[in-house]
Amino acid sequence: MPNRQLDAVSPAELPLDQLSSVSEDEAQRELTAAAVRERVFMLAALIALTPLALLVVELPARSATLNFLGSPLSISLSTDSLLLVLVPVLACAGVDWILRDHPDARAGEVPYLFPFWIAPAFAALAIGLLLTRIPTWPLWIITLLMGTAMIATLIFAEYVSLSPNARGYAVARLALTGVSYAIAFALFTLVYSARERSIISATLTTLIAAGLALDLLAPHIVGLRTAAVFAGIIGLIVGQATWALNYWNISDWSAGILLLTVFYMLSGLAQQHFQDRLTRAVLLEFAIVAVVALIVAWQLAGVR
């Protein structure tokens, strides 16, 4: 049957050698999927156990003061600080370990993996920040479990989205986008709630927005340099928005929504541009979302 596609032929109609090849390919895919699931669950368990292990460790608190741009900056080192460093580092190392087993990565079709560390690392950082601020045990445990599940979902999405031709690529990109926006909102709100000077808060939001945007723009498809330029511009605009919001007396929730809106619009417009789908209907959709977000932020402006 020279004119029929292989996937349209039933196994009973295939020659013995082709049937053997198909069976081997299916077995290899199942083996790879099982290995990926096992690695993701191992990494999620390690990330979940790290905060629990640090609960029994009491490190002596240390503080250091340095001058940053002519102003004194105090840095406190404690068990919480160790958590905020260790969990993102574990996430980066684990994601790299998992993604290097991807067929496209092994074949050299994905020359760099570091952009795909960013979202899991920021997710781990957001969870760590939340855990250091939650006073009650039930909420602490729920946050840890939900955050770990979110990281596992994010890693699965990163793995699948490495190959644009993979089955489930569209769903993986959708999950990756949704979780990335949730991470952005959490981190923007947490950074703003700290009420630090603009040189600190604006710098942090710039790095967060640029990092998440770099992952969202799929640098392995559009090109690392192009994606980095767009991500840098998005980060700088979000940082400038943070600088302006620091002069307003609004609630943390309101500031988080406004910063997320800026990030969402810029990242979404860049994605639509790369996909050649930037039409009037798309612009109208983003305008409506912006108006709704402004109304919600206005309503929450006084919520403390």
C-alpha atoms as a PDB file:
ATOM      1  CA  MET A   1       0.000   0.000   0.000  1.00  0.00           C
ATOM      2  CA  PRO A   2       2.472   2.676  -1.083  1.00  0.00           C
ATOM      3  CA  ASN A   3      -0.045   5.555  -1.071  1.00  0.00           C
ATOM      4  CA  ARG A   4      -1.350   5.162   2.483  1.00  0.00           C
ATOM      5  CA  GLN A   5       0.120   6.753   5.597  1.00  0.00           C
ATOM      6  CA  LEU A   6       1.569   4.439   8.176  1.00  0.00           C
ATOM      7  CA  ASP A   7      -0.729   5.696  10.944  1.00  0.00           C
ATOM      8  CA  ALA A   8      -3.785   5.017   8.767  1.00  0.00           C
ATOM      9  CA  VAL A   9      -2.955   1.330   8.388  1.00  0.00           C
ATOM     10  CA  SER A  10      -4.095  -1.138  10.980  1.00  0.00           C
ATOM     11  CA  PRO A  11      -1.374  -3.221  12.677  1.00  0.00           C
ATOM     12  CA  ALA A  12      -2.761  -6.378  11.057  1.00  0.00           C
ATOM     13  CA  GLU A  13      -2.085  -4.919   7.576  1.00  0.00           C
ATOM     14  CA  LEU A  14       1.540  -3.961   8.260  1.00  0.00           C
ATOM     15  CA  PRO A  15       4.485  -6.071   7.162  1.00  0.00           C
ATOM     16  CA  LEU A  16       6.249  -7.856   9.966  1.00  0.00           C
ATOM     17  CA  ASP A  17       9.306  -5.570   9.944  1.00  0.00           C
ATOM     18  CA  GLN A  18       7.176  -2.392  10.029  1.00  0.00           C
ATOM     19  CA  LEU A  19       4.979  -3.824  12.761  1.00  0.00           C
ATOM     20  CA  SER A  20       8.065  -4.558  14.817  1.00  0.00           C
ATOM     21  CA  SER A  21       9.325  -0.995  14.289  1.00  0.00           C
ATOM     22  CA  VAL A  22       5.990   0.524  15.344  1.00  0.00           C
ATOM     23  CA  SER A  23       5.870  -1.660  18.441  1.00  0.00           C
ATOM     24  CA  GLU A  24       9.399  -0.651  19.390  1.00  0.00           C
ATOM     25  CA  ASP A  25       8.586   3.053  18.923  1.00  0.00           C
ATOM     26  CA  GLU A  26       5.456   2.787  21.067  1.00  0.00           C
ATOM     27  CA  ALA A  27       7.343   0.888  23.750  1.00  0.00           C
ATOM     28  CA  GLN A  28      10.102   3.511  23.708  1.00  0.00           C
ATOM     29  CA  ARG A  29       7.572   6.354  24.059  1.00  0.00           C
ATOM     30  CA  GLU A  30       5.865   4.590  26.951  1.00  0.00           C
ATOM     31  CA  LEU A  31       9.230   3.966  28.609  1.00  0.00           C
ATOM     32  CA  THR A  32      10.252   7.606  28.179  1.00  0.00           C
ATOM     33  CA  ALA A  33       6.917   8.882  29.517  1.00  0.00           C
ATOM     34  CA  ALA A  34       7.180   6.602  32.555  1.00  0.00           C
ATOM     35  CA  ALA A  35      10.736   7.798  33.224  1.00  0.00           C
ATOM     36  CA  VAL A  36       9.680  11.445  32.963  1.00  0.00           C
ATOM     37  CA  ARG A  37       6.759  10.921  35.363  1.00  0.00           C
ATOM     38  CA  GLU A  38       9.061   9.183  37.822  1.00  0.00           C
ATOM     39  CA  ARG A  39      11.608  12.002  37.688  1.00  0.00           C
ATOM     40  CA  VAL A  40       8.962  14.704  38.062  1.00  0.00           C
ATOM     41  CA  PHE A  41       7.441  12.971  41.091  1.00  0.00           C
ATOM     42  CA  MET A  42      10.897  12.540  42.632  1.00  0.00           C
ATOM     43  CA  LEU A  43      11.688  16.217  42.141  1.00  0.00           C
ATOM     44  CA  ALA A  44       8.287  17.294  43.501  1.00  0.00           C
ATOM     45  CA  ALA A  45       8.798  15.102  46.577  1.00  0.00           C
ATOM     46  CA  LEU A  46      12.265  16.578  47.147  1.00  0.00           C
ATOM     47  CA  ILE A  47      10.928  20.131  46.851  1.00  0.00           C
ATOM     48  CA  ALA A  48       8.076  19.332  49.258  1.00  0.00           C
ATOM     49  CA  LEU A  49      10.381  17.707  51.808  1.00  0.00           C
ATOM     50  CA  THR A  50      12.895  20.561  51.826  1.00  0.00           C
ATOM     51  CA  PRO A  51      10.704  23.056  53.758  1.00  0.00           C
ATOM     52  CA  LEU A  52       9.714  20.280  56.160  1.00  0.00           C
ATOM     53  CA  ALA A  53      13.358  19.415  56.791  1.00  0.00           C
ATOM     54  CA  LEU A  54      14.261  23.054  57.384  1.00  0.00           C
ATOM     55  CA  LEU A  55      11.586  23.269  60.085  1.00  0.00           C
ATOM     56  CA  VAL A  56      13.791  21.218  62.397  1.00  0.00           C
ATOM     57  CA  VAL A  57      16.911  23.251  61.589  1.00  0.00           C
ATOM     58  CA  GLU A  58      17.577  26.347  63.662  1.00  0.00           C
ATOM     59  CA  LEU A  59      20.287  28.446  62.087  1.00  0.00           C
ATOM     60  CA  PRO A  60      21.698  31.439  63.933  1.00  0.00           C
ATOM     61  CA  ALA A  61      20.425  34.648  62.385  1.00  0.00           C
ATOM     62  CA  ARG A  62      22.986  36.825  60.686  1.00  0.00           C
ATOM     63  CA  SER A  63      22.595  40.319  59.279  1.00  0.00           C
ATOM     64  CA  ALA A  64      24.798  42.358  57.003  1.00  0.00           C
ATOM     65  CA  THR A  65      24.584  45.991  55.947  1.00  0.00           C
ATOM     66  CA  LEU A  66      26.000  47.394  52.756  1.00  0.00           C
ATOM     67  CA  ASN A  67      25.668  50.579  50.765  1.00  0.00           C
ATOM     68  CA  PHE A  68      23.692  50.261  47.534  1.00  0.00           C
ATOM     69  CA  LEU A  69      23.587  53.343  45.314  1.00  0.00           C
ATOM     70  CA  GLY A  70      24.427  55.514  48.296  1.00  0.00           C
ATOM     71  CA  SER A  71      21.749  54.066  50.595  1.00  0.00           C
ATOM     72  CA  PRO A  72      22.220  51.497  53.383  1.00  0.00           C
ATOM     73  CA  LEU A  73      20.781  48.069  52.590  1.00  0.00           C
ATOM     74  CA  SER A  74      20.309  45.476  55.324  1.00  0.00           C
ATOM     75  CA  ILE A  75      20.349  41.757  54.477  1.00  0.00           C
ATOM     76  CA  SER A  76      19.199  39.165  56.998  1.00  0.00           C
ATOM     77  CA  LEU A  77      20.388  35.553  56.765  1.00  0.00           C
ATOM     78  CA  SER A  78      18.307  32.892  58.512  1.00  0.00           C
ATOM     79  CA  THR A  79      16.542  29.580  57.927  1.00  0.00           C
ATOM     80  CA  ASP A  80      13.937  31.401  55.845  1.00  0.00           C
ATOM     81  CA  SER A  81      16.713  32.850  53.686  1.00  0.00           C
ATOM     82  CA  LEU A  82      18.122  29.371  53.166  1.00  0.00           C
ATOM     83  CA  LEU A  83      14.675  28.148  52.098  1.00  0.00           C
ATOM     84  CA  LEU A  84      14.316  30.973  49.560  1.00  0.00           C
ATOM     85  CA  VAL A  85      17.663  30.046  48.010  1.00  0.00           C
ATOM     86  CA  LEU A  86      17.616  26.258  48.283  1.00  0.00           C
ATOM     87  CA  VAL A  87      14.167  25.524  46.832  1.00  0.00           C
ATOM     88  CA  PRO A  88      14.637  27.507  43.575  1.00  0.00           C
ATOM     89  CA  VAL A  89      18.101  25.990  43.122  1.00  0.00           C
ATOM     90  CA  LEU A  90      16.629  22.505  43.529  1.00  0.00           C
ATOM     91  CA  ALA A  91      13.928  23.368  41.003  1.00  0.00           C
ATOM     92  CA  CYS A  92      16.490  24.569  38.433  1.00  0.00           C
ATOM     93  CA  ALA A  93      18.710  21.520  38.838  1.00  0.00           C
ATOM     94  CA  GLY A  94      15.757  19.135  38.729  1.00  0.00           C
ATOM     95  CA  VAL A  95      14.195  20.705  35.636  1.00  0.00           C
ATOM     96  CA  ASP A  96      17.508  20.556  33.791  1.00  0.00           C
ATOM     97  CA  TRP A  97      17.886  16.880  34.792  1.00  0.00           C
ATOM     98  CA  ILE A  98      14.410  16.097  33.436  1.00  0.00           C
ATOM     99  CA  LEU A  99      14.556  18.143  30.231  1.00  0.00           C
ATOM    100  CA  ARG A 100      17.925  16.739  29.179  1.00  0.00           C
ATOM    101  CA  ASP A 101      16.190  13.386  28.739  1.00  0.00           C
ATOM    102  CA  HIS A 102      13.847  14.859  26.110  1.00  0.00           C
ATOM    103  CA  PRO A 103      14.414  13.324  22.635  1.00  0.00           C
ATOM    104  CA  ASP A 104      14.821  16.756  21.026  1.00  0.00           C
ATOM    105  CA  ALA A 105      17.372  17.771  23.658  1.00  0.00           C
ATOM    106  CA  ARG A 106      19.331  14.542  23.186  1.00  0.00           C
ATOM    107  CA  ALA A 107      19.270  15.086  19.415  1.00  0.00           C
ATOM    108  CA  GLY A 108      20.685  18.601  19.841  1.00  0.00           C
ATOM    109  CA  GLU A 109      17.569  20.307  18.445  1.00  0.00           C
ATOM    110  CA  VAL A 110      17.201  22.379  21.648  1.00  0.00           C
ATOM    111  CA  PRO A 111      20.637  23.972  22.119  1.00  0.00           C
ATOM    112  CA  TYR A 112      19.827  25.675  25.437  1.00  0.00           C
ATOM    113  CA  LEU A 113      17.632  24.694  28.354  1.00  0.00           C
ATOM    114  CA  PHE A 114      18.188  27.496  30.860  1.00  0.00           C
ATOM    115  CA  PRO A 115      15.118  29.564  29.778  1.00  0.00           C
ATOM    116  CA  PHE A 116      12.945  26.635  30.827  1.00  0.00           C
ATOM    117  CA  TRP A 117      14.341  26.673  34.367  1.00  0.00           C
ATOM    118  CA  ILE A 118      12.945  30.135  35.012  1.00  0.00           C
ATOM    119  CA  ALA A 119       9.231  29.517  35.576  1.00  0.00           C
ATOM    120  CA  PRO A 120       9.751  26.489  37.895  1.00  0.00           C
ATOM    121  CA  ALA A 121      12.398  28.423  39.837  1.00  0.00           C
ATOM    122  CA  PHE A 122      10.103  31.430  40.284  1.00  0.00           C
ATOM    123  CA  ALA A 123       7.260  29.086  41.261  1.00  0.00           C
ATOM    124  CA  ALA A 124       9.495  27.582  43.949  1.00  0.00           C
ATOM    125  CA  LEU A 125      10.479  31.081  45.089  1.00  0.00           C
ATOM    126  CA  ALA A 126       6.815  32.130  45.346  1.00  0.00           C
ATOM    127  CA  ILE A 127       6.014  29.047  47.421  1.00  0.00           C
ATOM    128  CA  GLY A 128       8.991  29.717  49.672  1.00  0.00           C
ATOM    129  CA  LEU A 129       7.926  33.328  50.223  1.00  0.00           C
ATOM    130  CA  LEU A 130       4.376  32.265  51.039  1.00  0.00           C
ATOM    131  CA  LEU A 131       5.564  29.600  53.486  1.00  0.00           C
ATOM    132  CA  THR A 132       7.685  32.140  55.376  1.00  0.00           C
ATOM    133  CA  ARG A 133       4.614  34.382  55.844  1.00  0.00           C
ATOM    134  CA  ILE A 134       1.922  31.841  56.776  1.00  0.00           C
ATOM    135  CA  PRO A 135       1.419  31.582  60.552  1.00  0.00           C
ATOM    136  CA  THR A 136      -1.043  28.655  60.758  1.00  0.00           C
ATOM    137  CA  TRP A 137      -0.158  25.013  60.200  1.00  0.00           C
ATOM    138  CA  PRO A 138      -3.198  23.887  58.149  1.00  0.00           C
ATOM    139  CA  LEU A 139      -2.790  26.725  55.660  1.00  0.00           C
ATOM    140  CA  TRP A 140       0.982  26.125  55.585  1.00  0.00           C
ATOM    141  CA  ILE A 141       0.501  22.444  54.643  1.00  0.00           C
ATOM    142  CA  ILE A 142      -2.170  23.256  52.044  1.00  0.00           C
ATOM    143  CA  THR A 143       0.063  25.888  50.442  1.00  0.00           C
ATOM    144  CA  LEU A 144       2.980  23.463  50.308  1.00  0.00           C
ATOM    145  CA  LEU A 145       0.908  20.692  48.704  1.00  0.00           C
ATOM    146  CA  MET A 146      -0.780  22.981  46.178  1.00  0.00           C
ATOM    147  CA  GLY A 147       2.490  24.663  45.316  1.00  0.00           C
ATOM    148  CA  THR A 148       4.239  21.340  44.793  1.00  0.00           C
ATOM    149  CA  ALA A 149       1.419  20.174  42.503  1.00  0.00           C
ATOM    150  CA  MET A 150       1.726  23.432  40.548  1.00  0.00           C
ATOM    151  CA  ILE A 151       5.466  22.924  40.095  1.00  0.00           C
ATOM    152  CA  ALA A 152       4.933  19.342  38.908  1.00  0.00           C
ATOM    153  CA  THR A 153       2.329  20.522  36.396  1.00  0.00           C
ATOM    154  CA  LEU A 154       4.665  23.255  35.217  1.00  0.00           C
ATOM    155  CA  ILE A 155       7.545  20.828  34.681  1.00  0.00           C
ATOM    156  CA  PHE A 156       5.330  18.451  32.682  1.00  0.00           C
ATOM    157  CA  ALA A 157       4.233  21.405  30.543  1.00  0.00           C
ATOM    158  CA  GLU A 158       7.831  22.532  30.014  1.00  0.00           C
ATOM    159  CA  TYR A 159       8.813  19.026  28.913  1.00  0.00           C
ATOM    160  CA  VAL A 160       5.976  18.642  26.405  1.00  0.00           C
ATOM    161  CA  SER A 161       6.350  22.166  25.021  1.00  0.00           C
ATOM    162  CA  LEU A 162       9.978  21.542  24.031  1.00  0.00           C
ATOM    163  CA  SER A 163       8.700  19.901  20.838  1.00  0.00           C
ATOM    164  CA  PRO A 164       6.167  21.936  18.788  1.00  0.00           C
ATOM    165  CA  ASN A 165       5.129  18.739  16.983  1.00  0.00           C
ATOM    166  CA  ALA A 166       4.446  16.779  20.150  1.00  0.00           C
ATOM    167  CA  ARG A 167       0.990  15.507  20.929  1.00  0.00           C
ATOM    168  CA  GLY A 168      -0.505  17.760  23.571  1.00  0.00           C
ATOM    169  CA  TYR A 169       1.746  20.711  22.722  1.00  0.00           C
ATOM    170  CA  ALA A 170      -1.156  23.196  22.634  1.00  0.00           C
ATOM    171  CA  VAL A 171      -2.467  22.025  26.015  1.00  0.00           C
ATOM    172  CA  ALA A 172       1.035  22.187  27.487  1.00  0.00           C
ATOM    173  CA  ARG A 173       1.538  25.758  26.257  1.00  0.00           C
ATOM    174  CA  LEU A 174      -1.845  26.731  27.680  1.00  0.00           C
ATOM    175  CA  ALA A 175      -0.967  25.225  31.068  1.00  0.00           C
ATOM    176  CA  LEU A 176       2.451  26.854  31.002  1.00  0.00           C
ATOM    177  CA  THR A 177       0.937  30.246  30.215  1.00  0.00           C
ATOM    178  CA  GLY A 178      -1.737  29.999  32.906  1.00  0.00           C
ATOM    179  CA  VAL A 179       0.677  28.881  35.629  1.00  0.00           C
ATOM    180  CA  SER A 180       3.219  31.539  34.622  1.00  0.00           C
ATOM    181  CA  TYR A 181       0.613  34.290  35.012  1.00  0.00           C
ATOM    182  CA  ALA A 182      -0.335  32.890  38.429  1.00  0.00           C
ATOM    183  CA  ILE A 183       3.333  32.941  39.452  1.00  0.00           C
ATOM    184  CA  ALA A 184       3.705  36.502  38.170  1.00  0.00           C
ATOM    185  CA  PHE A 185       0.691  37.702  40.162  1.00  0.00           C
ATOM    186  CA  ALA A 186       1.909  35.997  43.344  1.00  0.00           C
ATOM    187  CA  LEU A 187       5.439  37.392  43.084  1.00  0.00           C
ATOM    188  CA  PHE A 188       4.365  40.899  42.038  1.00  0.00           C
ATOM    189  CA  THR A 189       1.993  41.052  45.014  1.00  0.00           C
ATOM    190  CA  LEU A 190       4.553  39.659  47.456  1.00  0.00           C
ATOM    191  CA  VAL A 191       7.294  42.026  46.281  1.00  0.00           C
ATOM    192  CA  TYR A 192       5.011  45.059  46.469  1.00  0.00           C
ATOM    193  CA  SER A 193       3.717  44.039  49.905  1.00  0.00           C
ATOM    194  CA  ALA A 194       7.247  44.172  51.298  1.00  0.00           C
ATOM    195  CA  ARG A 195       7.142  47.972  50.773  1.00  0.00           C
ATOM    196  CA  GLU A 196      10.822  48.140  49.955  1.00  0.00           C
ATOM    197  CA  ARG A 197      12.428  51.061  48.186  1.00  0.00           C
ATOM    198  CA  SER A 198      11.802  51.309  44.460  1.00  0.00           C
ATOM    199  CA  ILE A 199      15.398  50.456  43.621  1.00  0.00           C
ATOM    200  CA  ILE A 200      14.747  47.039  45.181  1.00  0.00           C
ATOM    201  CA  SER A 201      11.104  46.339  44.350  1.00  0.00           C
ATOM    202  CA  ALA A 202      11.305  47.672  40.788  1.00  0.00           C
ATOM    203  CA  THR A 203      14.502  45.714  40.124  1.00  0.00           C
ATOM    204  CA  LEU A 204      12.923  42.512  41.417  1.00  0.00           C
ATOM    205  CA  THR A 205       9.757  42.889  39.351  1.00  0.00           C
ATOM    206  CA  THR A 206      11.879  43.674  36.296  1.00  0.00           C
ATOM    207  CA  LEU A 207      13.789  40.415  36.725  1.00  0.00           C
ATOM    208  CA  ILE A 208      10.607  38.422  37.407  1.00  0.00           C
ATOM    209  CA  ALA A 209       8.741  39.810  34.412  1.00  0.00           C
ATOM    210  CA  ALA A 210      11.700  39.440  32.055  1.00  0.00           C
ATOM    211  CA  GLY A 211      12.379  35.882  33.154  1.00  0.00           C
ATOM    212  CA  LEU A 212       8.798  34.687  32.863  1.00  0.00           C
ATOM    213  CA  ALA A 213       8.346  36.485  29.539  1.00  0.00           C
ATOM    214  CA  LEU A 214      11.444  34.786  28.141  1.00  0.00           C
ATOM    215  CA  ASP A 215       9.912  31.388  28.880  1.00  0.00           C
ATOM    216  CA  LEU A 216       6.470  32.368  27.572  1.00  0.00           C
ATOM    217  CA  LEU A 217       7.884  33.583  24.250  1.00  0.00           C
ATOM    218  CA  ALA A 218       9.255  30.089  23.442  1.00  0.00           C
ATOM    219  CA  PRO A 219      12.878  31.080  22.704  1.00  0.00           C
ATOM    220  CA  HIS A 220      13.649  27.676  21.166  1.00  0.00           C
ATOM    221  CA  ILE A 221      11.117  28.540  18.422  1.00  0.00           C
ATOM    222  CA  VAL A 222      11.387  32.307  17.852  1.00  0.00           C
ATOM    223  CA  GLY A 223      15.103  32.479  18.661  1.00  0.00           C
ATOM    224  CA  LEU A 224      16.869  33.229  21.934  1.00  0.00           C
ATOM    225  CA  ARG A 225      18.140  36.682  20.949  1.00  0.00           C
ATOM    226  CA  THR A 226      14.747  37.883  19.683  1.00  0.00           C
ATOM    227  CA  ALA A 227      12.905  36.476  22.694  1.00  0.00           C
ATOM    228  CA  ALA A 228      15.474  38.001  25.074  1.00  0.00           C
ATOM    229  CA  VAL A 229      15.057  41.468  23.543  1.00  0.00           C
ATOM    230  CA  PHE A 230      11.267  41.342  23.839  1.00  0.00           C
ATOM    231  CA  ALA A 231      11.486  39.874  27.358  1.00  0.00           C
ATOM    232  CA  GLY A 232      13.911  42.606  28.427  1.00  0.00           C
ATOM    233  CA  ILE A 233      11.576  45.319  27.174  1.00  0.00           C
ATOM    234  CA  ILE A 234       8.630  43.719  28.974  1.00  0.00           C
ATOM    235  CA  GLY A 235      10.648  43.492  32.186  1.00  0.00           C
ATOM    236  CA  LEU A 236      11.745  47.137  32.015  1.00  0.00           C
ATOM    237  CA  ILE A 237       8.166  48.372  31.473  1.00  0.00           C
ATOM    238  CA  VAL A 238       6.851  46.289  34.396  1.00  0.00           C
ATOM    239  CA  GLY A 239       9.698  47.594  36.551  1.00  0.00           C
ATOM    240  CA  GLN A 240       8.839  51.188  35.640  1.00  0.00           C
ATOM    241  CA  ALA A 241       5.197  50.477  36.487  1.00  0.00           C
ATOM    242  CA  THR A 242       6.307  49.202  39.904  1.00  0.00           C
ATOM    243  CA  TRP A 243       8.308  52.381  40.436  1.00  0.00           C
ATOM    244  CA  ALA A 244       5.205  54.461  39.716  1.00  0.00           C
ATOM    245  CA  LEU A 245       2.926  52.339  41.923  1.00  0.00           C
ATOM    246  CA  ASN A 246       5.264  52.818  44.889  1.00  0.00           C
ATOM    247  CA  TYR A 247       4.124  56.454  44.989  1.00  0.00           C
ATOM    248  CA  TRP A 248       0.454  55.425  45.263  1.00  0.00           C
ATOM    249  CA  ASN A 249      -1.299  54.457  48.454  1.00  0.00           C
ATOM    250  CA  ILE A 250      -3.059  51.358  47.121  1.00  0.00           C
ATOM    251  CA  SER A 251      -3.491  47.849  48.464  1.00  0.00           C
ATOM    252  CA  ASP A 252      -1.146  44.971  47.710  1.00  0.00           C
ATOM    253  CA  TRP A 253      -3.925  43.157  45.792  1.00  0.00           C
ATOM    254  CA  SER A 254      -4.590  46.176  43.619  1.00  0.00           C
ATOM    255  CA  ALA A 255      -0.904  46.639  42.821  1.00  0.00           C
ATOM    256  CA  GLY A 256      -0.537  42.948  41.995  1.00  0.00           C
ATOM    257  CA  ILE A 257      -3.476  43.080  39.580  1.00  0.00           C
ATOM    258  CA  LEU A 258      -2.169  46.212  37.854  1.00  0.00           C
ATOM    259  CA  LEU A 259       1.313  44.772  37.418  1.00  0.00           C
ATOM    260  CA  LEU A 260      -0.116  41.482  36.186  1.00  0.00           C
ATOM    261  CA  THR A 261      -2.255  43.383  33.671  1.00  0.00           C
ATOM    262  CA  VAL A 262       0.781  45.193  32.279  1.00  0.00           C
ATOM    263  CA  PHE A 263       2.717  41.921  32.097  1.00  0.00           C
ATOM    264  CA  TYR A 264      -0.210  40.033  30.553  1.00  0.00           C
ATOM    265  CA  MET A 265      -0.831  42.615  27.848  1.00  0.00           C
ATOM    266  CA  LEU A 266       2.811  42.971  26.845  1.00  0.00           C
ATOM    267  CA  SER A 267       3.532  39.240  26.865  1.00  0.00           C
ATOM    268  CA  GLY A 268       0.271  38.392  25.120  1.00  0.00           C
ATOM    269  CA  LEU A 269       0.781  40.978  22.387  1.00  0.00           C
ATOM    270  CA  ALA A 270       4.325  39.715  21.817  1.00  0.00           C
ATOM    271  CA  GLN A 271       3.069  36.133  21.548  1.00  0.00           C
ATOM    272  CA  GLN A 272       0.368  37.140  19.080  1.00  0.00           C
ATOM    273  CA  HIS A 273       2.961  39.056  17.067  1.00  0.00           C
ATOM    274  CA  PHE A 274       5.225  36.024  16.746  1.00  0.00           C
ATOM    275  CA  GLN A 275       2.241  33.885  15.739  1.00  0.00           C
ATOM    276  CA  ASP A 276       1.104  36.431  13.108  1.00  0.00           C
ATOM    277  CA  ARG A 277      -2.292  36.734  14.790  1.00  0.00           C
ATOM    278  CA  LEU A 278      -2.175  40.374  15.882  1.00  0.00           C
ATOM    279  CA  THR A 279      -5.535  41.520  14.510  1.00  0.00           C
ATOM    280  CA  ARG A 280      -8.111  44.121  15.530  1.00  0.00           C
ATOM    281  CA  ALA A 281     -10.152  41.439  17.291  1.00  0.00           C
ATOM    282  CA  VAL A 282      -7.116  40.462  19.373  1.00  0.00           C
ATOM    283  CA  LEU A 283      -6.368  44.097  20.237  1.00  0.00           C
ATOM    284  CA  LEU A 284      -9.999  44.578  21.261  1.00  0.00           C
ATOM    285  CA  GLU A 285      -9.806  41.506  23.472  1.00  0.00           C
ATOM    286  CA  PHE A 286      -6.730  42.835  25.262  1.00  0.00           C
ATOM    287  CA  ALA A 287      -8.361  46.253  25.659  1.00  0.00           C
ATOM    288  CA  ILE A 288     -11.419  44.684  27.295  1.00  0.00           C
ATOM    289  CA  VAL A 289      -9.224  42.666  29.672  1.00  0.00           C
ATOM    290  CA  ALA A 290      -7.313  45.842  30.593  1.00  0.00           C
ATOM    291  CA  VAL A 291     -10.513  47.755  31.349  1.00  0.00           C
ATOM    292  CA  VAL A 292     -11.882  44.924  33.514  1.00  0.00           C
ATOM    293  CA  ALA A 293      -8.561  44.673  35.370  1.00  0.00           C
ATOM    294  CA  LEU A 294      -8.530  48.419  36.027  1.00  0.00           C
ATOM    295  CA  ILE A 295     -12.050  48.235  37.447  1.00  0.00           C
ATOM    296  CA  VAL A 296     -11.114  45.331  39.732  1.00  0.00           C
ATOM    297  CA  ALA A 297      -7.921  47.091  40.846  1.00  0.00           C
ATOM    298  CA  TRP A 298      -9.923  50.246  41.589  1.00  0.00           C
ATOM    299  CA  GLN A 299     -12.389  48.287  43.706  1.00  0.00           C
ATOM    300  CA  LEU A 300      -9.555  46.627  45.643  1.00  0.00           C
ATOM    301  CA  ALA A 301      -7.477  49.783  46.025  1.00  0.00           C
ATOM    302  CA  GLY A 302      -8.591  50.284  49.632  1.00  0.00           C
ATOM    303  CA  VAL A 303      -8.544  46.617  50.701  1.00  0.00           C
ATOM    304  CA  ARG A 304      -5.818  46.128  53.303  1.00  0.00           C
END
